[in-house]
Amino acid sequence: MKMSKDPQLDHIMASTQTMTTTAIAREYGMTARKLNQLLESAGIQRKVNKHWELCTAHQKRGLVTINEYPFMHTNGQLDTTITMKWTQIGRLLIHDIIHNHSH
């Protein structure tokens, strides 16, 4: 793998895992809330019913994986939670947005 002049970019390219917004934000020294707001202002995602989702134009770009997990509340009621994790393509986009935002 060719190394770039950007160690953060090299780190992204070396990984094959998906990551949560919280974990990515931590890599850049920011909170998930701040990163989510930055992605919203860049038109990448929006908040719908208390959950973040990709804007329509970005939904088929392979930026995230979405998984549903069933769980049971303490009162016995079954429910599901949805998690969105960023792929390497998504992480590269986030890297570019953060890099362009800071310059």
N, C-alpha and C. Protein backbone atom coordinates (compact mmCIF):
# COMPACT_ATOMS: atom_id res chain seq x y z
N MET A 1 0.84 -1.18 0.00
CA MET A 1 0.00 0.00 0.00
C MET A 1 0.88 1.24 0.00
N LYS A 2 0.58 2.18 -0.86
CA LYS A 2 1.32 3.42 -0.93
C LYS A 2 0.91 4.32 0.23
N MET A 3 1.89 4.85 0.92
CA MET A 3 1.61 5.73 2.06
C MET A 3 1.40 7.16 1.56
N SER A 4 0.42 7.85 2.12
CA SER A 4 0.18 9.24 1.75
C SER A 4 0.89 10.14 2.76
N LYS A 5 0.72 11.43 2.56
CA LYS A 5 1.29 12.39 3.51
C LYS A 5 0.34 12.63 4.68
N ASP A 6 -0.77 11.94 4.69
CA ASP A 6 -1.78 12.12 5.73
C ASP A 6 -1.90 10.84 6.54
N PRO A 7 -1.38 10.82 7.78
CA PRO A 7 -1.44 9.58 8.57
C PRO A 7 -2.87 9.11 8.87
N GLN A 8 -3.82 10.04 9.00
CA GLN A 8 -5.21 9.65 9.25
C GLN A 8 -5.77 8.92 8.03
N LEU A 9 -5.45 9.40 6.85
CA LEU A 9 -5.89 8.75 5.62
C LEU A 9 -5.27 7.37 5.49
N ASP A 10 -4.00 7.23 5.84
CA ASP A 10 -3.33 5.92 5.81
C ASP A 10 -4.02 4.95 6.76
N HIS A 11 -4.42 5.44 7.93
CA HIS A 11 -5.11 4.61 8.93
C HIS A 11 -6.44 4.11 8.37
N ILE A 12 -7.18 5.00 7.71
CA ILE A 12 -8.47 4.62 7.12
C ILE A 12 -8.27 3.55 6.05
N MET A 13 -7.33 3.77 5.19
CA MET A 13 -7.10 2.85 4.07
C MET A 13 -6.62 1.48 4.53
N ALA A 14 -6.00 1.41 5.68
CA ALA A 14 -5.49 0.13 6.18
C ALA A 14 -6.58 -0.71 6.83
N SER A 15 -7.70 -0.10 7.15
CA SER A 15 -8.76 -0.80 7.88
C SER A 15 -9.79 -1.40 6.93
N THR A 16 -10.40 -2.50 7.36
CA THR A 16 -11.48 -3.11 6.58
C THR A 16 -12.78 -3.15 7.39
N GLN A 17 -12.77 -2.60 8.57
CA GLN A 17 -13.92 -2.67 9.47
C GLN A 17 -14.87 -1.49 9.27
N THR A 18 -16.13 -1.69 9.66
CA THR A 18 -17.06 -0.58 9.74
C THR A 18 -16.91 0.05 11.12
N MET A 19 -17.29 1.32 11.22
CA MET A 19 -17.13 2.03 12.49
C MET A 19 -18.35 2.89 12.79
N THR A 20 -18.61 3.05 14.07
CA THR A 20 -19.69 3.94 14.51
C THR A 20 -19.26 5.39 14.35
N THR A 21 -20.23 6.26 14.32
CA THR A 21 -19.95 7.70 14.27
C THR A 21 -19.14 8.11 15.48
N THR A 22 -19.46 7.56 16.64
CA THR A 22 -18.74 7.88 17.87
C THR A 22 -17.26 7.54 17.74
N ALA A 23 -16.95 6.36 17.22
CA ALA A 23 -15.55 5.94 17.09
C ALA A 23 -14.80 6.82 16.08
N ILE A 24 -15.45 7.17 14.98
CA ILE A 24 -14.81 8.03 13.99
C ILE A 24 -14.59 9.41 14.57
N ALA A 25 -15.58 9.95 15.24
CA ALA A 25 -15.45 11.28 15.85
C ALA A 25 -14.28 11.30 16.84
N ARG A 26 -14.15 10.25 17.61
CA ARG A 26 -13.07 10.16 18.59
C ARG A 26 -11.70 10.24 17.91
N GLU A 27 -11.57 9.62 16.74
CA GLU A 27 -10.31 9.68 15.99
C GLU A 27 -9.93 11.10 15.60
N TYR A 28 -10.92 11.95 15.43
CA TYR A 28 -10.68 13.33 15.03
C TYR A 28 -10.75 14.30 16.21
N GLY A 29 -10.85 13.77 17.41
CA GLY A 29 -10.88 14.61 18.60
C GLY A 29 -12.14 15.43 18.75
N MET A 30 -13.26 14.87 18.30
CA MET A 30 -14.53 15.58 18.43
C MET A 30 -15.59 14.63 18.98
N THR A 31 -16.73 15.18 19.33
CA THR A 31 -17.83 14.36 19.82
C THR A 31 -18.64 13.85 18.63
N ALA A 32 -19.39 12.78 18.86
CA ALA A 32 -20.28 12.26 17.83
C ALA A 32 -21.33 13.31 17.48
N ARG A 33 -21.80 14.05 18.46
CA ARG A 33 -22.79 15.09 18.20
C ARG A 33 -22.25 16.13 17.22
N LYS A 34 -21.01 16.56 17.43
CA LYS A 34 -20.40 17.55 16.54
C LYS A 34 -20.22 16.97 15.13
N LEU A 35 -19.77 15.72 15.04
CA LEU A 35 -19.58 15.09 13.73
C LEU A 35 -20.93 14.92 13.03
N ASN A 36 -21.95 14.48 13.75
CA ASN A 36 -23.28 14.35 13.15
C ASN A 36 -23.78 15.69 12.62
N GLN A 37 -23.55 16.76 13.37
CA GLN A 37 -23.98 18.09 12.92
C GLN A 37 -23.22 18.52 11.67
N LEU A 38 -21.93 18.21 11.62
CA LEU A 38 -21.11 18.54 10.46
C LEU A 38 -21.61 17.78 9.23
N LEU A 39 -21.92 16.49 9.40
CA LEU A 39 -22.43 15.68 8.29
C LEU A 39 -23.81 16.15 7.85
N GLU A 40 -24.60 16.62 8.80
CA GLU A 40 -25.91 17.16 8.44
C GLU A 40 -25.75 18.46 7.64
N SER A 41 -24.86 19.34 8.09
CA SER A 41 -24.67 20.61 7.37
C SER A 41 -24.06 20.39 5.99
N ALA A 42 -23.33 19.27 5.81
CA ALA A 42 -22.76 18.94 4.50
C ALA A 42 -23.76 18.23 3.59
N GLY A 43 -24.97 17.97 4.10
CA GLY A 43 -26.01 17.33 3.29
C GLY A 43 -25.85 15.83 3.13
N ILE A 44 -25.10 15.21 4.03
CA ILE A 44 -24.88 13.76 3.96
C ILE A 44 -25.97 13.00 4.69
N GLN A 45 -26.41 13.52 5.82
CA GLN A 45 -27.42 12.82 6.62
C GLN A 45 -28.41 13.81 7.22
N ARG A 46 -29.51 13.25 7.72
CA ARG A 46 -30.53 14.05 8.38
C ARG A 46 -31.10 13.23 9.53
N LYS A 47 -31.74 13.91 10.46
CA LYS A 47 -32.33 13.22 11.60
C LYS A 47 -33.82 13.00 11.32
N VAL A 48 -34.24 11.74 11.47
CA VAL A 48 -35.64 11.37 11.26
C VAL A 48 -36.06 10.51 12.45
N ASN A 49 -37.08 10.96 13.17
CA ASN A 49 -37.59 10.22 14.34
C ASN A 49 -36.47 9.82 15.31
N LYS A 50 -35.65 10.77 15.67
CA LYS A 50 -34.57 10.59 16.65
C LYS A 50 -33.39 9.76 16.15
N HIS A 51 -33.40 9.37 14.88
CA HIS A 51 -32.31 8.57 14.32
C HIS A 51 -31.72 9.28 13.11
N TRP A 52 -30.42 9.12 12.94
CA TRP A 52 -29.76 9.66 11.76
C TRP A 52 -29.91 8.69 10.60
N GLU A 53 -30.16 9.25 9.41
CA GLU A 53 -30.18 8.43 8.20
C GLU A 53 -29.53 9.23 7.08
N LEU A 54 -29.02 8.52 6.10
CA LEU A 54 -28.40 9.19 4.97
C LEU A 54 -29.45 9.89 4.14
N CYS A 55 -29.08 11.04 3.58
CA CYS A 55 -29.97 11.72 2.65
C CYS A 55 -30.10 10.85 1.40
N THR A 56 -31.19 10.98 0.70
CA THR A 56 -31.51 10.13 -0.44
C THR A 56 -30.37 10.05 -1.45
N ALA A 57 -29.73 11.15 -1.75
CA ALA A 57 -28.67 11.18 -2.76
C ALA A 57 -27.47 10.30 -2.39
N HIS A 58 -27.34 9.96 -1.11
CA HIS A 58 -26.18 9.20 -0.65
C HIS A 58 -26.50 7.76 -0.25
N GLN A 59 -27.74 7.37 -0.34
CA GLN A 59 -28.15 6.06 0.18
C GLN A 59 -27.59 4.87 -0.58
N LYS A 60 -27.25 5.02 -1.83
CA LYS A 60 -26.77 3.88 -2.62
C LYS A 60 -25.29 3.97 -2.93
N ARG A 61 -24.56 4.72 -2.14
CA ARG A 61 -23.13 4.93 -2.40
C ARG A 61 -22.24 3.98 -1.60
N GLY A 62 -22.83 3.14 -0.75
CA GLY A 62 -22.03 2.22 0.05
C GLY A 62 -21.30 2.88 1.20
N LEU A 63 -21.85 3.98 1.70
CA LEU A 63 -21.20 4.72 2.78
C LEU A 63 -21.38 4.08 4.14
N VAL A 64 -22.50 3.39 4.33
CA VAL A 64 -22.82 2.82 5.64
C VAL A 64 -23.39 1.41 5.50
N THR A 65 -23.36 0.69 6.61
CA THR A 65 -24.12 -0.54 6.74
C THR A 65 -25.18 -0.28 7.80
N ILE A 66 -26.34 -0.88 7.62
CA ILE A 66 -27.43 -0.69 8.57
C ILE A 66 -27.88 -2.07 9.04
N ASN A 67 -27.93 -2.24 10.35
CA ASN A 67 -28.34 -3.51 10.93
C ASN A 67 -29.43 -3.29 11.95
N GLU A 68 -30.35 -4.25 12.01
CA GLU A 68 -31.41 -4.25 13.02
C GLU A 68 -31.11 -5.32 14.04
N TYR A 69 -31.25 -4.98 15.30
CA TYR A 69 -31.01 -5.95 16.37
C TYR A 69 -32.24 -6.03 17.26
N PRO A 70 -32.79 -7.22 17.43
CA PRO A 70 -33.93 -7.37 18.35
C PRO A 70 -33.44 -7.34 19.79
N PHE A 71 -34.28 -6.82 20.68
CA PHE A 71 -33.98 -6.86 22.10
C PHE A 71 -35.28 -6.85 22.88
N MET A 72 -35.19 -7.16 24.15
CA MET A 72 -36.38 -7.19 25.00
C MET A 72 -36.23 -6.14 26.10
N HIS A 73 -37.27 -5.33 26.24
CA HIS A 73 -37.31 -4.36 27.34
C HIS A 73 -37.47 -5.10 28.66
N THR A 74 -37.17 -4.42 29.75
CA THR A 74 -37.29 -5.06 31.06
C THR A 74 -38.73 -5.48 31.37
N ASN A 75 -39.72 -4.86 30.69
CA ASN A 75 -41.12 -5.24 30.91
C ASN A 75 -41.54 -6.42 30.03
N GLY A 76 -40.58 -7.00 29.26
CA GLY A 76 -40.86 -8.15 28.43
C GLY A 76 -41.28 -7.83 27.01
N GLN A 77 -41.43 -6.54 26.68
CA GLN A 77 -41.84 -6.15 25.33
C GLN A 77 -40.66 -6.29 24.36
N LEU A 78 -40.91 -6.96 23.22
CA LEU A 78 -39.90 -7.10 22.19
C LEU A 78 -39.81 -5.81 21.38
N ASP A 79 -38.61 -5.48 20.94
CA ASP A 79 -38.39 -4.28 20.18
C ASP A 79 -37.16 -4.50 19.30
N THR A 80 -36.84 -3.55 18.43
CA THR A 80 -35.61 -3.61 17.65
C THR A 80 -34.92 -2.26 17.71
N THR A 81 -33.62 -2.29 17.55
CA THR A 81 -32.85 -1.07 17.44
C THR A 81 -32.07 -1.16 16.13
N ILE A 82 -31.84 -0.03 15.53
CA ILE A 82 -31.13 0.03 14.26
C ILE A 82 -29.80 0.72 14.49
N THR A 83 -28.74 0.13 13.94
CA THR A 83 -27.43 0.77 14.03
C THR A 83 -26.92 1.07 12.62
N MET A 84 -26.27 2.21 12.50
CA MET A 84 -25.66 2.62 11.25
C MET A 84 -24.16 2.71 11.50
N LYS A 85 -23.38 1.99 10.71
CA LYS A 85 -21.93 2.04 10.83
C LYS A 85 -21.35 2.44 9.48
N TRP A 86 -20.27 3.21 9.53
CA TRP A 86 -19.64 3.75 8.34
C TRP A 86 -18.66 2.74 7.75
N THR A 87 -18.73 2.56 6.43
CA THR A 87 -17.78 1.73 5.71
C THR A 87 -16.52 2.55 5.44
N GLN A 88 -15.52 1.94 4.81
CA GLN A 88 -14.30 2.68 4.48
C GLN A 88 -14.60 3.79 3.47
N ILE A 89 -15.53 3.56 2.56
CA ILE A 89 -15.93 4.61 1.61
C ILE A 89 -16.53 5.79 2.38
N GLY A 90 -17.37 5.48 3.35
CA GLY A 90 -17.96 6.52 4.18
C GLY A 90 -16.92 7.25 5.01
N ARG A 91 -15.97 6.50 5.54
CA ARG A 91 -14.91 7.12 6.34
C ARG A 91 -14.06 8.06 5.49
N LEU A 92 -13.81 7.69 4.24
CA LEU A 92 -13.05 8.58 3.35
C LEU A 92 -13.83 9.87 3.11
N LEU A 93 -15.14 9.75 2.92
CA LEU A 93 -15.97 10.93 2.74
C LEU A 93 -15.91 11.82 3.98
N ILE A 94 -16.05 11.22 5.15
CA ILE A 94 -15.98 11.98 6.40
C ILE A 94 -14.62 12.66 6.52
N HIS A 95 -13.55 11.93 6.20
CA HIS A 95 -12.21 12.51 6.25
C HIS A 95 -12.13 13.75 5.37
N ASP A 96 -12.65 13.64 4.14
CA ASP A 96 -12.61 14.77 3.22
C ASP A 96 -13.43 15.95 3.75
N ILE A 97 -14.60 15.67 4.31
CA ILE A 97 -15.45 16.74 4.85
C ILE A 97 -14.73 17.44 6.01
N ILE A 98 -14.16 16.68 6.92
CA ILE A 98 -13.46 17.27 8.06
C ILE A 98 -12.25 18.06 7.58
N HIS A 99 -11.48 17.47 6.66
CA HIS A 99 -10.28 18.15 6.13
C HIS A 99 -10.66 19.45 5.44
N ASN A 100 -11.71 19.43 4.60
CA ASN A 100 -12.13 20.64 3.89
C ASN A 100 -12.74 21.66 4.83
N HIS A 101 -13.41 21.20 5.88
CA HIS A 101 -14.04 22.10 6.85
C HIS A 101 -13.00 22.83 7.69
N SER A 102 -11.87 22.17 7.94
CA SER A 102 -10.86 22.78 8.81
C SER A 102 -9.91 23.71 8.05
N HIS A 103 -10.04 23.75 6.71
CA HIS A 103 -9.16 24.63 5.92
C HIS A 103 -9.91 25.79 5.33
